[in-house]
Amino acid sequence: DLSDVKAIRRVVTDVRETMGPIGILHWNVFLDIEGDLLSIPPAD
């Protein structure tokens, strides 16, 4: 779950230990939400 900072730290360590050094990081993460600024929940 890439919304969890601890999970990100764990998974980067797991990848490094399993597959070796990370030479390229591709960040393709977003939350698909709709709504204008007057109606979107602040939590979103």
PDB file of all heavy atoms in Angstrom:
ATOM      1  N   ASP A   1       0.863  -1.179   0.000  1.00  0.00           N
ATOM      2  CA  ASP A   1       0.000   0.000   0.000  1.00  0.00           C
ATOM      3  C   ASP A   1       0.902   1.231   0.000  1.00  0.00           C
ATOM      4  O   ASP A   1       1.508   1.565   1.021  1.00  0.00           O
ATOM      5  CB  ASP A   1      -0.899  -0.019   1.235  1.00  0.00           C
ATOM      6  CG  ASP A   1      -1.812   1.187   1.326  1.00  0.00           C
ATOM      7  OD1 ASP A   1      -1.732   2.084   0.447  1.00  0.00           O
ATOM      8  OD2 ASP A   1      -2.610   1.236   2.280  1.00  0.00           O
ATOM      9  N   LEU A   2       1.000   1.898  -1.140  1.00  0.00           N
ATOM     10  CA  LEU A   2       1.910   3.025  -1.273  1.00  0.00           C
ATOM     11  C   LEU A   2       1.381   4.312  -0.646  1.00  0.00           C
ATOM     12  O   LEU A   2       2.022   5.359  -0.732  1.00  0.00           O
ATOM     13  CB  LEU A   2       2.254   3.232  -2.750  1.00  0.00           C
ATOM     14  CG  LEU A   2       3.045   2.062  -3.349  1.00  0.00           C
ATOM     15  CD1 LEU A   2       3.168   2.219  -4.857  1.00  0.00           C
ATOM     16  CD2 LEU A   2       4.405   1.925  -2.705  1.00  0.00           C
ATOM     17  N   SER A   3       0.247   4.229   0.042  1.00  0.00           N
ATOM     18  CA  SER A   3      -0.219   5.374   0.824  1.00  0.00           C
ATOM     19  C   SER A   3       0.334   5.308   2.251  1.00  0.00           C
ATOM     20  O   SER A   3       0.130   6.220   3.038  1.00  0.00           O
ATOM     21  CB  SER A   3      -1.750   5.415   0.869  1.00  0.00           C
ATOM     22  OG  SER A   3      -2.267   4.326   1.612  1.00  0.00           O
ATOM     23  N   ASP A   4       1.059   4.248   2.557  1.00  0.00           N
ATOM     24  CA  ASP A   4       1.607   4.011   3.889  1.00  0.00           C
ATOM     25  C   ASP A   4       3.127   4.187   3.839  1.00  0.00           C
ATOM     26  O   ASP A   4       3.824   3.390   3.194  1.00  0.00           O
ATOM     27  CB  ASP A   4       1.226   2.601   4.333  1.00  0.00           C
ATOM     28  CG  ASP A   4       1.752   2.218   5.700  1.00  0.00           C
ATOM     29  OD1 ASP A   4       2.643   2.905   6.244  1.00  0.00           O
ATOM     30  OD2 ASP A   4       1.285   1.192   6.219  1.00  0.00           O
ATOM     31  N   VAL A   5       3.647   5.223   4.489  1.00  0.00           N
ATOM     32  CA  VAL A   5       5.077   5.526   4.465  1.00  0.00           C
ATOM     33  C   VAL A   5       5.900   4.338   4.963  1.00  0.00           C
ATOM     34  O   VAL A   5       6.940   4.008   4.380  1.00  0.00           O
ATOM     35  CB  VAL A   5       5.373   6.812   5.283  1.00  0.00           C
ATOM     36  CG1 VAL A   5       6.856   7.003   5.507  1.00  0.00           C
ATOM     37  CG2 VAL A   5       4.767   8.022   4.589  1.00  0.00           C
ATOM     38  N   LYS A   6       5.454   3.687   6.020  1.00  0.00           N
ATOM     39  CA  LYS A   6       6.196   2.521   6.538  1.00  0.00           C
ATOM     40  C   LYS A   6       6.225   1.395   5.510  1.00  0.00           C
ATOM     41  O   LYS A   6       7.236   0.713   5.348  1.00  0.00           O
ATOM     42  CB  LYS A   6       5.576   2.035   7.845  1.00  0.00           C
ATOM     43  CG  LYS A   6       5.810   2.978   9.005  1.00  0.00           C
ATOM     44  CD  LYS A   6       5.154   2.471  10.273  1.00  0.00           C
ATOM     45  CE  LYS A   6       5.311   3.483  11.389  1.00  0.00           C
ATOM     46  NZ  LYS A   6       4.606   3.082  12.600  1.00  0.00           N
ATOM     47  N   ALA A   7       5.116   1.196   4.800  1.00  0.00           N
ATOM     48  CA  ALA A   7       5.062   0.160   3.764  1.00  0.00           C
ATOM     49  C   ALA A   7       6.021   0.488   2.625  1.00  0.00           C
ATOM     50  O   ALA A   7       6.671  -0.411   2.071  1.00  0.00           O
ATOM     51  CB  ALA A   7       3.642  -0.001   3.239  1.00  0.00           C
ATOM     52  N   ILE A   8       6.135   1.769   2.264  1.00  0.00           N
ATOM     53  CA  ILE A   8       7.076   2.172   1.212  1.00  0.00           C
ATOM     54  C   ILE A   8       8.499   1.857   1.652  1.00  0.00           C
ATOM     55  O   ILE A   8       9.279   1.284   0.878  1.00  0.00           O
ATOM     56  CB  ILE A   8       6.922   3.670   0.878  1.00  0.00           C
ATOM     57  CG1 ILE A   8       5.555   3.936   0.248  1.00  0.00           C
ATOM     58  CG2 ILE A   8       8.048   4.143  -0.049  1.00  0.00           C
ATOM     59  CD1 ILE A   8       5.194   5.402   0.134  1.00  0.00           C
ATOM     60  N   ARG A   9       8.832   2.214   2.866  1.00  0.00           N
ATOM     61  CA  ARG A   9      10.190   1.933   3.358  1.00  0.00           C
ATOM     62  C   ARG A   9      10.479   0.435   3.350  1.00  0.00           C
ATOM     63  O   ARG A   9      11.552   0.006   2.929  1.00  0.00           O
ATOM     64  CB  ARG A   9      10.359   2.510   4.761  1.00  0.00           C
ATOM     65  CG  ARG A   9      10.402   4.012   4.771  1.00  0.00           C
ATOM     66  CD  ARG A   9      10.618   4.560   6.168  1.00  0.00           C
ATOM     67  NE  ARG A   9      10.742   6.004   6.127  1.00  0.00           N
ATOM     68  CZ  ARG A   9      10.143   6.839   6.940  1.00  0.00           C
ATOM     69  NH1 ARG A   9       9.354   6.375   7.910  1.00  0.00           N
ATOM     70  NH2 ARG A   9      10.315   8.135   6.825  1.00  0.00           N
ATOM     71  N   ARG A  10       9.503  -0.347   3.806  1.00  0.00           N
ATOM     72  CA  ARG A  10       9.668  -1.806   3.831  1.00  0.00           C
ATOM     73  C   ARG A  10       9.852  -2.381   2.435  1.00  0.00           C
ATOM     74  O   ARG A  10      10.724  -3.206   2.199  1.00  0.00           O
ATOM     75  CB  ARG A  10       8.458  -2.473   4.492  1.00  0.00           C
ATOM     76  CG  ARG A  10       8.625  -2.826   5.938  1.00  0.00           C
ATOM     77  CD  ARG A  10       7.504  -3.728   6.455  1.00  0.00           C
ATOM     78  NE  ARG A  10       6.165  -3.366   6.035  1.00  0.00           N
ATOM     79  CZ  ARG A  10       5.368  -2.482   6.650  1.00  0.00           C
ATOM     80  NH1 ARG A  10       5.808  -1.861   7.733  1.00  0.00           N
ATOM     81  NH2 ARG A  10       4.164  -2.221   6.207  1.00  0.00           N
ATOM     82  N   VAL A  11       9.017  -1.947   1.505  1.00  0.00           N
ATOM     83  CA  VAL A  11       9.060  -2.543   0.173  1.00  0.00           C
ATOM     84  C   VAL A  11      10.348  -2.154  -0.565  1.00  0.00           C
ATOM     85  O   VAL A  11      10.905  -2.976  -1.294  1.00  0.00           O
ATOM     86  CB  VAL A  11       7.784  -2.232  -0.642  1.00  0.00           C
ATOM     87  CG1 VAL A  11       7.777  -0.832  -1.209  1.00  0.00           C
ATOM     88  CG2 VAL A  11       7.584  -3.262  -1.732  1.00  0.00           C
ATOM     89  N   VAL A  12      10.835  -0.942  -0.388  1.00  0.00           N
ATOM     90  CA  VAL A  12      12.103  -0.564  -1.014  1.00  0.00           C
ATOM     91  C   VAL A  12      13.228  -1.446  -0.468  1.00  0.00           C
ATOM     92  O   VAL A  12      14.059  -1.953  -1.228  1.00  0.00           O
ATOM     93  CB  VAL A  12      12.414   0.936  -0.825  1.00  0.00           C
ATOM     94  CG1 VAL A  12      13.838   1.268  -1.257  1.00  0.00           C
ATOM     95  CG2 VAL A  12      11.410   1.797  -1.588  1.00  0.00           C
ATOM     96  N   THR A  13      13.234  -1.673   0.827  1.00  0.00           N
ATOM     97  CA  THR A  13      14.230  -2.561   1.431  1.00  0.00           C
ATOM     98  C   THR A  13      14.086  -3.984   0.903  1.00  0.00           C
ATOM     99  O   THR A  13      15.078  -4.624   0.553  1.00  0.00           O
ATOM    100  CB  THR A  13      14.096  -2.547   2.976  1.00  0.00           C
ATOM    101  OG1 THR A  13      14.337  -1.214   3.437  1.00  0.00           O
ATOM    102  CG2 THR A  13      15.077  -3.492   3.629  1.00  0.00           C
ATOM    103  N   ASP A  14      12.853  -4.477   0.818  1.00  0.00           N
ATOM    104  CA  ASP A  14      12.605  -5.834   0.303  1.00  0.00           C
ATOM    105  C   ASP A  14      13.088  -5.976  -1.138  1.00  0.00           C
ATOM    106  O   ASP A  14      13.710  -6.984  -1.492  1.00  0.00           O
ATOM    107  CB  ASP A  14      11.120  -6.193   0.377  1.00  0.00           C
ATOM    108  CG  ASP A  14      10.617  -6.371   1.796  1.00  0.00           C
ATOM    109  OD1 ASP A  14      11.449  -6.447   2.729  1.00  0.00           O
ATOM    110  OD2 ASP A  14       9.377  -6.414   1.977  1.00  0.00           O
ATOM    111  N   VAL A  15      12.810  -4.986  -1.965  1.00  0.00           N
ATOM    112  CA  VAL A  15      13.250  -5.042  -3.359  1.00  0.00           C
ATOM    113  C   VAL A  15      14.773  -5.066  -3.423  1.00  0.00           C
ATOM    114  O   VAL A  15      15.369  -5.880  -4.134  1.00  0.00           O
ATOM    115  CB  VAL A  15      12.680  -3.855  -4.175  1.00  0.00           C
ATOM    116  CG1 VAL A  15      13.363  -3.740  -5.533  1.00  0.00           C
ATOM    117  CG2 VAL A  15      11.172  -4.002  -4.345  1.00  0.00           C
ATOM    118  N   ARG A  16      15.414  -4.195  -2.691  1.00  0.00           N
ATOM    119  CA  ARG A  16      16.878  -4.130  -2.685  1.00  0.00           C
ATOM    120  C   ARG A  16      17.478  -5.465  -2.245  1.00  0.00           C
ATOM    121  O   ARG A  16      18.416  -5.967  -2.858  1.00  0.00           O
ATOM    122  CB  ARG A  16      17.342  -3.005  -1.747  1.00  0.00           C
ATOM    123  CG  ARG A  16      18.847  -2.819  -1.712  1.00  0.00           C
ATOM    124  CD  ARG A  16      19.272  -1.722  -0.743  1.00  0.00           C
ATOM    125  NE  ARG A  16      18.741  -0.422  -1.133  1.00  0.00           N
ATOM    126  CZ  ARG A  16      17.853   0.278  -0.427  1.00  0.00           C
ATOM    127  NH1 ARG A  16      17.376  -0.186   0.713  1.00  0.00           N
ATOM    128  NH2 ARG A  16      17.444   1.450  -0.859  1.00  0.00           N
ATOM    129  N   GLU A  17      16.931  -6.045  -1.180  1.00  0.00           N
ATOM    130  CA  GLU A  17      17.470  -7.316  -0.667  1.00  0.00           C
ATOM    131  C   GLU A  17      17.204  -8.480  -1.608  1.00  0.00           C
ATOM    132  O   GLU A  17      17.998  -9.410  -1.687  1.00  0.00           O
ATOM    133  CB  GLU A  17      16.881  -7.603   0.718  1.00  0.00           C
ATOM    134  CG  GLU A  17      17.394  -6.661   1.791  1.00  0.00           C
ATOM    135  CD  GLU A  17      16.718  -6.853   3.141  1.00  0.00           C
ATOM    136  OE1 GLU A  17      15.757  -7.646   3.245  1.00  0.00           O
ATOM    137  OE2 GLU A  17      17.145  -6.172   4.096  1.00  0.00           O
ATOM    138  N   THR A  18      16.087  -8.436  -2.327  1.00  0.00           N
ATOM    139  CA  THR A  18      15.697  -9.535  -3.210  1.00  0.00           C
ATOM    140  C   THR A  18      16.288  -9.410  -4.609  1.00  0.00           C
ATOM    141  O   THR A  18      16.716 -10.400  -5.197  1.00  0.00           O
ATOM    142  CB  THR A  18      14.155  -9.589  -3.339  1.00  0.00           C
ATOM    143  OG1 THR A  18      13.593  -9.691  -2.031  1.00  0.00           O
ATOM    144  CG2 THR A  18      13.707 -10.766  -4.176  1.00  0.00           C
ATOM    145  N   MET A  19      16.324  -8.175  -5.142  1.00  0.00           N
ATOM    146  CA  MET A  19      16.689  -7.990  -6.550  1.00  0.00           C
ATOM    147  C   MET A  19      17.953  -7.168  -6.772  1.00  0.00           C
ATOM    148  O   MET A  19      18.380  -6.994  -7.908  1.00  0.00           O
ATOM    149  CB  MET A  19      15.518  -7.335  -7.296  1.00  0.00           C
ATOM    150  CG  MET A  19      14.250  -8.157  -7.231  1.00  0.00           C
ATOM    151  SD  MET A  19      12.913  -7.448  -8.204  1.00  0.00           S
ATOM    152  CE  MET A  19      13.436  -7.927  -9.859  1.00  0.00           C
ATOM    153  N   GLY A  20      18.530  -6.633  -5.714  1.00  0.00           N
ATOM    154  CA  GLY A  20      19.748  -5.840  -5.864  1.00  0.00           C
ATOM    155  C   GLY A  20      19.464  -4.347  -5.881  1.00  0.00           C
ATOM    156  O   GLY A  20      18.323  -3.911  -5.705  1.00  0.00           O
ATOM    157  N   PRO A  21      20.509  -3.554  -6.102  1.00  0.00           N
ATOM    158  CA  PRO A  21      20.384  -2.096  -6.043  1.00  0.00           C
ATOM    159  C   PRO A  21      19.346  -1.546  -7.026  1.00  0.00           C
ATOM    160  O   PRO A  21      19.173  -2.065  -8.121  1.00  0.00           O
ATOM    161  CB  PRO A  21      21.786  -1.593  -6.417  1.00  0.00           C
ATOM    162  CG  PRO A  21      22.686  -2.748  -6.220  1.00  0.00           C
ATOM    163  CD  PRO A  21      21.872  -3.980  -6.437  1.00  0.00           C
ATOM    164  N   ILE A  22      18.713  -0.477  -6.604  1.00  0.00           N
ATOM    165  CA  ILE A  22      17.702   0.192  -7.420  1.00  0.00           C
ATOM    166  C   ILE A  22      18.397   1.265  -8.250  1.00  0.00           C
ATOM    167  O   ILE A  22      18.970   2.207  -7.707  1.00  0.00           O
ATOM    168  CB  ILE A  22      16.606   0.805  -6.529  1.00  0.00           C
ATOM    169  CG1 ILE A  22      15.892  -0.316  -5.768  1.00  0.00           C
ATOM    170  CG2 ILE A  22      15.633   1.640  -7.356  1.00  0.00           C
ATOM    171  CD1 ILE A  22      15.108   0.150  -4.576  1.00  0.00           C
ATOM    172  N   GLY A  23      18.336   1.104  -9.560  1.00  0.00           N
ATOM    173  CA  GLY A  23      18.971   2.063 -10.461  1.00  0.00           C
ATOM    174  C   GLY A  23      17.987   3.036 -11.078  1.00  0.00           C
ATOM    175  O   GLY A  23      18.371   4.101 -11.551  1.00  0.00           O
ATOM    176  N   ILE A  24      16.690   2.654 -11.072  1.00  0.00           N
ATOM    177  CA  ILE A  24      15.648   3.508 -11.649  1.00  0.00           C
ATOM    178  C   ILE A  24      14.411   3.392 -10.763  1.00  0.00           C
ATOM    179  O   ILE A  24      13.993   2.286 -10.420  1.00  0.00           O
ATOM    180  CB  ILE A  24      15.285   3.074 -13.081  1.00  0.00           C
ATOM    181  CG1 ILE A  24      16.529   3.061 -13.978  1.00  0.00           C
ATOM    182  CG2 ILE A  24      14.213   3.989 -13.673  1.00  0.00           C
ATOM    183  CD1 ILE A  24      16.353   2.261 -15.246  1.00  0.00           C
ATOM    184  N   LEU A  25      13.864   4.529 -10.410  1.00  0.00           N
ATOM    185  CA  LEU A  25      12.613   4.570  -9.664  1.00  0.00           C
ATOM    186  C   LEU A  25      11.559   5.199 -10.568  1.00  0.00           C
ATOM    187  O   LEU A  25      11.754   6.304 -11.073  1.00  0.00           O
ATOM    188  CB  LEU A  25      12.775   5.407  -8.392  1.00  0.00           C
ATOM    189  CG  LEU A  25      11.489   5.769  -7.635  1.00  0.00           C
ATOM    190  CD1 LEU A  25      10.810   4.522  -7.093  1.00  0.00           C
ATOM    191  CD2 LEU A  25      11.792   6.756  -6.518  1.00  0.00           C
ATOM    192  N   HIS A  26      10.468   4.463 -10.806  1.00  0.00           N
ATOM    193  CA  HIS A  26       9.352   5.015 -11.584  1.00  0.00           C
ATOM    194  C   HIS A  26       8.167   5.180 -10.643  1.00  0.00           C
ATOM    195  O   HIS A  26       7.663   4.191 -10.104  1.00  0.00           O
ATOM    196  CB  HIS A  26       8.984   4.083 -12.740  1.00  0.00           C
ATOM    197  CG  HIS A  26       7.807   4.563 -13.526  1.00  0.00           C
ATOM    198  ND1 HIS A  26       6.782   3.756 -13.905  1.00  0.00           N
ATOM    199  CD2 HIS A  26       7.482   5.796 -13.990  1.00  0.00           C
ATOM    200  CE1 HIS A  26       5.879   4.445 -14.579  1.00  0.00           C
ATOM    201  NE2 HIS A  26       6.282   5.689 -14.634  1.00  0.00           N
ATOM    202  N   TRP A  27       7.722   6.422 -10.439  1.00  0.00           N
ATOM    203  CA  TRP A  27       6.587   6.711  -9.558  1.00  0.00           C
ATOM    204  C   TRP A  27       5.368   7.000 -10.424  1.00  0.00           C
ATOM    205  O   TRP A  27       5.324   7.976 -11.154  1.00  0.00           O
ATOM    206  CB  TRP A  27       6.902   7.899  -8.650  1.00  0.00           C
ATOM    207  CG  TRP A  27       5.884   8.057  -7.578  1.00  0.00           C
ATOM    208  CD1 TRP A  27       4.841   8.943  -7.550  1.00  0.00           C
ATOM    209  CD2 TRP A  27       5.765   7.293  -6.373  1.00  0.00           C
ATOM    210  NE1 TRP A  27       4.097   8.771  -6.408  1.00  0.00           N
ATOM    211  CE2 TRP A  27       4.646   7.764  -5.667  1.00  0.00           C
ATOM    212  CE3 TRP A  27       6.505   6.245  -5.828  1.00  0.00           C
ATOM    213  CZ2 TRP A  27       4.253   7.234  -4.443  1.00  0.00           C
ATOM    214  CZ3 TRP A  27       6.119   5.715  -4.614  1.00  0.00           C
ATOM    215  CH2 TRP A  27       5.000   6.207  -3.936  1.00  0.00           C
ATOM    216  N   ASN A  28       4.371   6.114 -10.341  1.00  0.00           N
ATOM    217  CA  ASN A  28       3.173   6.187 -11.176  1.00  0.00           C
ATOM    218  C   ASN A  28       1.928   6.032 -10.306  1.00  0.00           C
ATOM    219  O   ASN A  28       1.001   5.326 -10.647  1.00  0.00           O
ATOM    220  CB  ASN A  28       3.235   5.074 -12.233  1.00  0.00           C
ATOM    221  CG  ASN A  28       2.106   5.149 -13.230  1.00  0.00           C
ATOM    222  OD1 ASN A  28       1.841   6.187 -13.799  1.00  0.00           O
ATOM    223  ND2 ASN A  28       1.417   4.036 -13.429  1.00  0.00           N
ATOM    224  N   VAL A  29       1.930   6.694  -9.164  1.00  0.00           N
ATOM    225  CA  VAL A  29       0.889   6.498  -8.167  1.00  0.00           C
ATOM    226  C   VAL A  29      -0.033   7.717  -8.120  1.00  0.00           C
ATOM    227  O   VAL A  29       0.432   8.849  -8.101  1.00  0.00           O
ATOM    228  CB  VAL A  29       1.520   6.283  -6.767  1.00  0.00           C
ATOM    229  CG1 VAL A  29       0.451   6.035  -5.721  1.00  0.00           C
ATOM    230  CG2 VAL A  29       2.516   5.133  -6.804  1.00  0.00           C
ATOM    231  N   PHE A  30      -1.337   7.478  -8.111  1.00  0.00           N
ATOM    232  CA  PHE A  30      -2.298   8.562  -7.936  1.00  0.00           C
ATOM    233  C   PHE A  30      -3.613   7.974  -7.433  1.00  0.00           C
ATOM    234  O   PHE A  30      -3.852   6.775  -7.523  1.00  0.00           O
ATOM    235  CB  PHE A  30      -2.510   9.355  -9.227  1.00  0.00           C
ATOM    236  CG  PHE A  30      -3.296   8.626 -10.284  1.00  0.00           C
ATOM    237  CD1 PHE A  30      -4.640   8.876 -10.457  1.00  0.00           C
ATOM    238  CD2 PHE A  30      -2.682   7.689 -11.089  1.00  0.00           C
ATOM    239  CE1 PHE A  30      -5.369   8.207 -11.428  1.00  0.00           C
ATOM    240  CE2 PHE A  30      -3.389   7.013 -12.072  1.00  0.00           C
ATOM    241  CZ  PHE A  30      -4.745   7.273 -12.235  1.00  0.00           C
ATOM    242  N   LEU A  31      -4.436   8.829  -6.897  1.00  0.00           N
ATOM    243  CA  LEU A  31      -5.765   8.450  -6.437  1.00  0.00           C
ATOM    244  C   LEU A  31      -6.768   9.004  -7.436  1.00  0.00           C
ATOM    245  O   LEU A  31      -6.818  10.212  -7.676  1.00  0.00           O
ATOM    246  CB  LEU A  31      -6.026   9.037  -5.042  1.00  0.00           C
ATOM    247  CG  LEU A  31      -7.376   8.734  -4.407  1.00  0.00           C
ATOM    248  CD1 LEU A  31      -7.536   7.235  -4.186  1.00  0.00           C
ATOM    249  CD2 LEU A  31      -7.509   9.485  -3.087  1.00  0.00           C
ATOM    250  N   ASP A  32      -7.534   8.125  -8.043  1.00  0.00           N
ATOM    251  CA  ASP A  32      -8.497   8.527  -9.074  1.00  0.00           C
ATOM    252  C   ASP A  32      -9.774   9.039  -8.393  1.00  0.00           C
ATOM    253  O   ASP A  32     -10.661   8.264  -8.060  1.00  0.00           O
ATOM    254  CB  ASP A  32      -8.802   7.345  -9.984  1.00  0.00           C
ATOM    255  CG  ASP A  32      -9.588   7.746 -11.218  1.00  0.00           C
ATOM    256  OD1 ASP A  32      -9.706   8.952 -11.475  1.00  0.00           O
ATOM    257  OD2 ASP A  32     -10.081   6.845 -11.914  1.00  0.00           O
ATOM    258  N   ILE A  33      -9.809  10.340  -8.181  1.00  0.00           N
ATOM    259  CA  ILE A  33     -10.965  10.951  -7.525  1.00  0.00           C
ATOM    260  C   ILE A  33     -11.516  12.059  -8.404  1.00  0.00           C
ATOM    261  O   ILE A  33     -10.790  12.693  -9.154  1.00  0.00           O
ATOM    262  CB  ILE A  33     -10.608  11.516  -6.135  1.00  0.00           C
ATOM    263  CG1 ILE A  33      -9.425  12.482  -6.216  1.00  0.00           C
ATOM    264  CG2 ILE A  33     -10.336  10.411  -5.156  1.00  0.00           C
ATOM    265  CD1 ILE A  33      -9.099  13.179  -4.928  1.00  0.00           C
ATOM    266  N   GLU A  34     -12.808  12.267  -8.296  1.00  0.00           N
ATOM    267  CA  GLU A  34     -13.457  13.331  -9.053  1.00  0.00           C
ATOM    268  C   GLU A  34     -14.120  14.292  -8.079  1.00  0.00           C
ATOM    269  O   GLU A  34     -14.411  13.942  -6.941  1.00  0.00           O
ATOM    270  CB  GLU A  34     -14.499  12.745 -10.005  1.00  0.00           C
ATOM    271  CG  GLU A  34     -13.905  11.902 -11.103  1.00  0.00           C
ATOM    272  CD  GLU A  34     -14.937  11.379 -12.065  1.00  0.00           C
ATOM    273  OE1 GLU A  34     -16.092  11.873 -12.070  1.00  0.00           O
ATOM    274  OE2 GLU A  34     -14.591  10.460 -12.833  1.00  0.00           O
ATOM    275  N   GLY A  35     -14.362  15.483  -8.554  1.00  0.00           N
ATOM    276  CA  GLY A  35     -15.063  16.482  -7.756  1.00  0.00           C
ATOM    277  C   GLY A  35     -14.367  17.821  -7.838  1.00  0.00           C
ATOM    278  O   GLY A  35     -13.160  17.892  -8.035  1.00  0.00           O
ATOM    279  N   ASP A  36     -15.152  18.885  -7.720  1.00  0.00           N
ATOM    280  CA  ASP A  36     -14.557  20.215  -7.737  1.00  0.00           C
ATOM    281  C   ASP A  36     -14.154  20.609  -6.316  1.00  0.00           C
ATOM    282  O   ASP A  36     -14.452  19.910  -5.348  1.00  0.00           O
ATOM    283  CB  ASP A  36     -15.490  21.235  -8.376  1.00  0.00           C
ATOM    284  CG  ASP A  36     -16.766  21.471  -7.579  1.00  0.00           C
ATOM    285  OD1 ASP A  36     -16.764  21.310  -6.340  1.00  0.00           O
ATOM    286  OD2 ASP A  36     -17.781  21.836  -8.199  1.00  0.00           O
ATOM    287  N   LEU A  37     -13.459  21.714  -6.206  1.00  0.00           N
ATOM    288  CA  LEU A  37     -12.937  22.134  -4.899  1.00  0.00           C
ATOM    289  C   LEU A  37     -14.029  22.484  -3.897  1.00  0.00           C
ATOM    290  O   LEU A  37     -13.778  22.500  -2.693  1.00  0.00           O
ATOM    291  CB  LEU A  37     -11.985  23.320  -5.058  1.00  0.00           C
ATOM    292  CG  LEU A  37     -10.636  22.976  -5.675  1.00  0.00           C
ATOM    293  CD1 LEU A  37      -9.804  24.234  -5.847  1.00  0.00           C
ATOM    294  CD2 LEU A  37      -9.897  21.955  -4.828  1.00  0.00           C
ATOM    295  N   LEU A  38     -15.226  22.746  -4.363  1.00  0.00           N
ATOM    296  CA  LEU A  38     -16.309  23.090  -3.449  1.00  0.00           C
ATOM    297  C   LEU A  38     -17.047  21.864  -2.919  1.00  0.00           C
ATOM    298  O   LEU A  38     -17.815  21.965  -1.967  1.00  0.00           O
ATOM    299  CB  LEU A  38     -17.296  24.041  -4.138  1.00  0.00           C
ATOM    300  CG  LEU A  38     -16.682  25.347  -4.635  1.00  0.00           C
ATOM    301  CD1 LEU A  38     -17.722  26.172  -5.386  1.00  0.00           C
ATOM    302  CD2 LEU A  38     -16.084  26.132  -3.469  1.00  0.00           C
ATOM    303  N   SER A  39     -16.800  20.706  -3.527  1.00  0.00           N
ATOM    304  CA  SER A  39     -17.533  19.514  -3.093  1.00  0.00           C
ATOM    305  C   SER A  39     -16.652  18.331  -2.697  1.00  0.00           C
ATOM    306  O   SER A  39     -17.120  17.429  -2.017  1.00  0.00           O
ATOM    307  CB  SER A  39     -18.489  19.059  -4.203  1.00  0.00           C
ATOM    308  OG  SER A  39     -17.761  18.653  -5.349  1.00  0.00           O
ATOM    309  N   ILE A  40     -15.399  18.324  -3.082  1.00  0.00           N
ATOM    310  CA  ILE A  40     -14.533  17.178  -2.799  1.00  0.00           C
ATOM    311  C   ILE A  40     -14.263  17.095  -1.295  1.00  0.00           C
ATOM    312  O   ILE A  40     -13.981  18.111  -0.648  1.00  0.00           O
ATOM    313  CB  ILE A  40     -13.225  17.262  -3.603  1.00  0.00           C
ATOM    314  CG1 ILE A  40     -12.449  15.949  -3.512  1.00  0.00           C
ATOM    315  CG2 ILE A  40     -12.370  18.422  -3.162  1.00  0.00           C
ATOM    316  CD1 ILE A  40     -11.300  15.864  -4.479  1.00  0.00           C
ATOM    317  N   PRO A  41     -14.386  15.914  -0.716  1.00  0.00           N
ATOM    318  CA  PRO A  41     -14.091  15.783   0.713  1.00  0.00           C
ATOM    319  C   PRO A  41     -12.618  16.103   1.003  1.00  0.00           C
ATOM    320  O   PRO A  41     -11.729  15.618   0.291  1.00  0.00           O
ATOM    321  CB  PRO A  41     -14.395  14.312   1.011  1.00  0.00           C
ATOM    322  CG  PRO A  41     -15.306  13.873  -0.090  1.00  0.00           C
ATOM    323  CD  PRO A  41     -14.900  14.675  -1.290  1.00  0.00           C
ATOM    324  N   PRO A  42     -12.348  16.912   2.016  1.00  0.00           N
ATOM    325  CA  PRO A  42     -10.965  17.239   2.356  1.00  0.00           C
ATOM    326  C   PRO A  42     -10.099  15.996   2.581  1.00  0.00           C
ATOM    327  O   PRO A  42      -8.912  16.002   2.251  1.00  0.00           O
ATOM    328  CB  PRO A  42     -11.092  18.070   3.636  1.00  0.00           C
ATOM    329  CG  PRO A  42     -12.436  18.712   3.510  1.00  0.00           C
ATOM    330  CD  PRO A  42     -13.296  17.670   2.849  1.00  0.00           C
ATOM    331  N   ALA A  43     -10.691  14.934   3.104  1.00  0.00           N
ATOM    332  CA  ALA A  43      -9.918  13.702   3.318  1.00  0.00           C
ATOM    333  C   ALA A  43      -9.409  13.143   1.996  1.00  0.00           C
ATOM    334  O   ALA A  43      -8.294  12.603   1.933  1.00  0.00           O
ATOM    335  CB  ALA A  43     -10.768  12.665   4.043  1.00  0.00           C
ATOM    336  N   ASP A  44     -10.192  13.268   0.920  1.00  0.00           N
ATOM    337  CA  ASP A  44      -9.739  12.804  -0.392  1.00  0.00           C
ATOM    338  C   ASP A  44      -8.590  13.662  -0.923  1.00  0.00           C
ATOM    339  O   ASP A  44      -7.645  13.144  -1.527  1.00  0.00           O
ATOM    340  CB  ASP A  44     -10.887  12.800  -1.402  1.00  0.00           C
ATOM    341  CG  ASP A  44     -11.867  11.660  -1.180  1.00  0.00           C
ATOM    342  OD1 ASP A  44     -11.578  10.762  -0.344  1.00  0.00           O
ATOM    343  OD2 ASP A  44     -12.924  11.657  -1.840  1.00  0.00           O
TER     344      ASP A  44
END
